[in-house]
Amino acid sequence: MVLLGELLMILDLHRQGLSVTAIARRTGRDPKTVRKYIERGLEPPAYGLRQAGPCA
């Protein structure tokens, strides 16, 4: 999970034209993680409904 400050930095670096690989190197994150957060933007993650387990 990326903190808000790091997310803003990723988005700002992307806006400046840096590649996903360059952003990943600067932040120490995996390029797939950087790409995921760039695609998502500032939207909060959408989690599905939880399934209730069996009651014991």
C-alpha atoms as a PDB file:
ATOM      1  CA  MET A   1       0.000   0.000   0.000  1.00  0.00           C
ATOM      2  CA  VAL A   2       1.216   3.479  -0.860  1.00  0.00           C
ATOM      3  CA  LEU A   3       0.709   6.416   1.501  1.00  0.00           C
ATOM      4  CA  LEU A   4      -1.026   9.561   0.253  1.00  0.00           C
ATOM      5  CA  GLY A   5       2.192  11.609   0.088  1.00  0.00           C
ATOM      6  CA  GLU A   6       3.913   8.951  -1.988  1.00  0.00           C
ATOM      7  CA  LEU A   7       0.866   8.635  -4.258  1.00  0.00           C
ATOM      8  CA  LEU A   8       0.918  12.383  -4.886  1.00  0.00           C
ATOM      9  CA  MET A   9       4.637  12.201  -5.657  1.00  0.00           C
ATOM     10  CA  ILE A  10       4.068   9.329  -8.132  1.00  0.00           C
ATOM     11  CA  LEU A  11       1.279  11.229  -9.866  1.00  0.00           C
ATOM     12  CA  ASP A  12       3.333  14.439  -9.982  1.00  0.00           C
ATOM     13  CA  LEU A  13       6.374  12.680 -11.451  1.00  0.00           C
ATOM     14  CA  HIS A  14       4.127  11.049 -14.051  1.00  0.00           C
ATOM     15  CA  ARG A  15       2.609  14.446 -14.901  1.00  0.00           C
ATOM     16  CA  GLN A  16       6.145  15.777 -15.398  1.00  0.00           C
ATOM     17  CA  GLY A  17       6.699  13.102 -18.031  1.00  0.00           C
ATOM     18  CA  LEU A  18       8.856  10.562 -16.195  1.00  0.00           C
ATOM     19  CA  SER A  19       8.469   6.955 -17.258  1.00  0.00           C
ATOM     20  CA  VAL A  20       7.005   4.289 -15.002  1.00  0.00           C
ATOM     21  CA  THR A  21      10.462   2.727 -14.697  1.00  0.00           C
ATOM     22  CA  ALA A  22      12.062   6.022 -13.669  1.00  0.00           C
ATOM     23  CA  ILE A  23       9.346   6.645 -11.088  1.00  0.00           C
ATOM     24  CA  ALA A  24       9.776   3.115  -9.732  1.00  0.00           C
ATOM     25  CA  ARG A  25      13.514   3.661  -9.327  1.00  0.00           C
ATOM     26  CA  ARG A  26      13.005   6.972  -7.507  1.00  0.00           C
ATOM     27  CA  THR A  27      10.354   5.648  -5.139  1.00  0.00           C
ATOM     28  CA  GLY A  28      11.747   2.156  -4.598  1.00  0.00           C
ATOM     29  CA  ARG A  29       8.477   0.594  -5.738  1.00  0.00           C
ATOM     30  CA  ASP A  30       7.857  -2.113  -8.313  1.00  0.00           C
ATOM     31  CA  PRO A  31       6.944  -0.745 -11.762  1.00  0.00           C
ATOM     32  CA  LYS A  32       3.669  -2.710 -11.686  1.00  0.00           C
ATOM     33  CA  THR A  33       2.734  -0.959  -8.434  1.00  0.00           C
ATOM     34  CA  VAL A  34       3.576   2.448  -9.910  1.00  0.00           C
ATOM     35  CA  ARG A  35       1.529   1.690 -13.034  1.00  0.00           C
ATOM     36  CA  LYS A  36      -1.449   0.568 -10.909  1.00  0.00           C
ATOM     37  CA  TYR A  37      -1.492   3.787  -8.889  1.00  0.00           C
ATOM     38  CA  ILE A  38      -1.077   5.962 -11.993  1.00  0.00           C
ATOM     39  CA  GLU A  39      -4.055   4.225 -13.635  1.00  0.00           C
ATOM     40  CA  ARG A  40      -6.162   4.546 -10.473  1.00  0.00           C
ATOM     41  CA  GLY A  41      -5.282   8.193  -9.831  1.00  0.00           C
ATOM     42  CA  LEU A  42      -6.733   9.659  -6.649  1.00  0.00           C
ATOM     43  CA  GLU A  43      -9.743   7.345  -6.521  1.00  0.00           C
ATOM     44  CA  PRO A  44      -9.943   5.211  -3.386  1.00  0.00           C
ATOM     45  CA  PRO A  45      -9.731   1.457  -3.995  1.00  0.00           C
ATOM     46  CA  ALA A  46     -13.062  -0.286  -4.563  1.00  0.00           C
ATOM     47  CA  TYR A  47     -13.361  -3.313  -2.347  1.00  0.00           C
ATOM     48  CA  GLY A  48     -16.032  -5.941  -2.873  1.00  0.00           C
ATOM     49  CA  LEU A  49     -18.425  -7.199  -0.247  1.00  0.00           C
ATOM     50  CA  ARG A  50     -17.003  -9.588   2.296  1.00  0.00           C
ATOM     51  CA  GLN A  51     -18.390 -13.094   2.529  1.00  0.00           C
ATOM     52  CA  ALA A  52     -19.492 -14.136   6.001  1.00  0.00           C
ATOM     53  CA  GLY A  53     -17.798 -17.291   7.223  1.00  0.00           C
ATOM     54  CA  PRO A  54     -19.622 -20.156   8.924  1.00  0.00           C
ATOM     55  CA  CYS A  55     -20.766 -19.415  12.441  1.00  0.00           C
ATOM     56  CA  ALA A  56     -19.344 -21.778  14.996  1.00  0.00           C
END
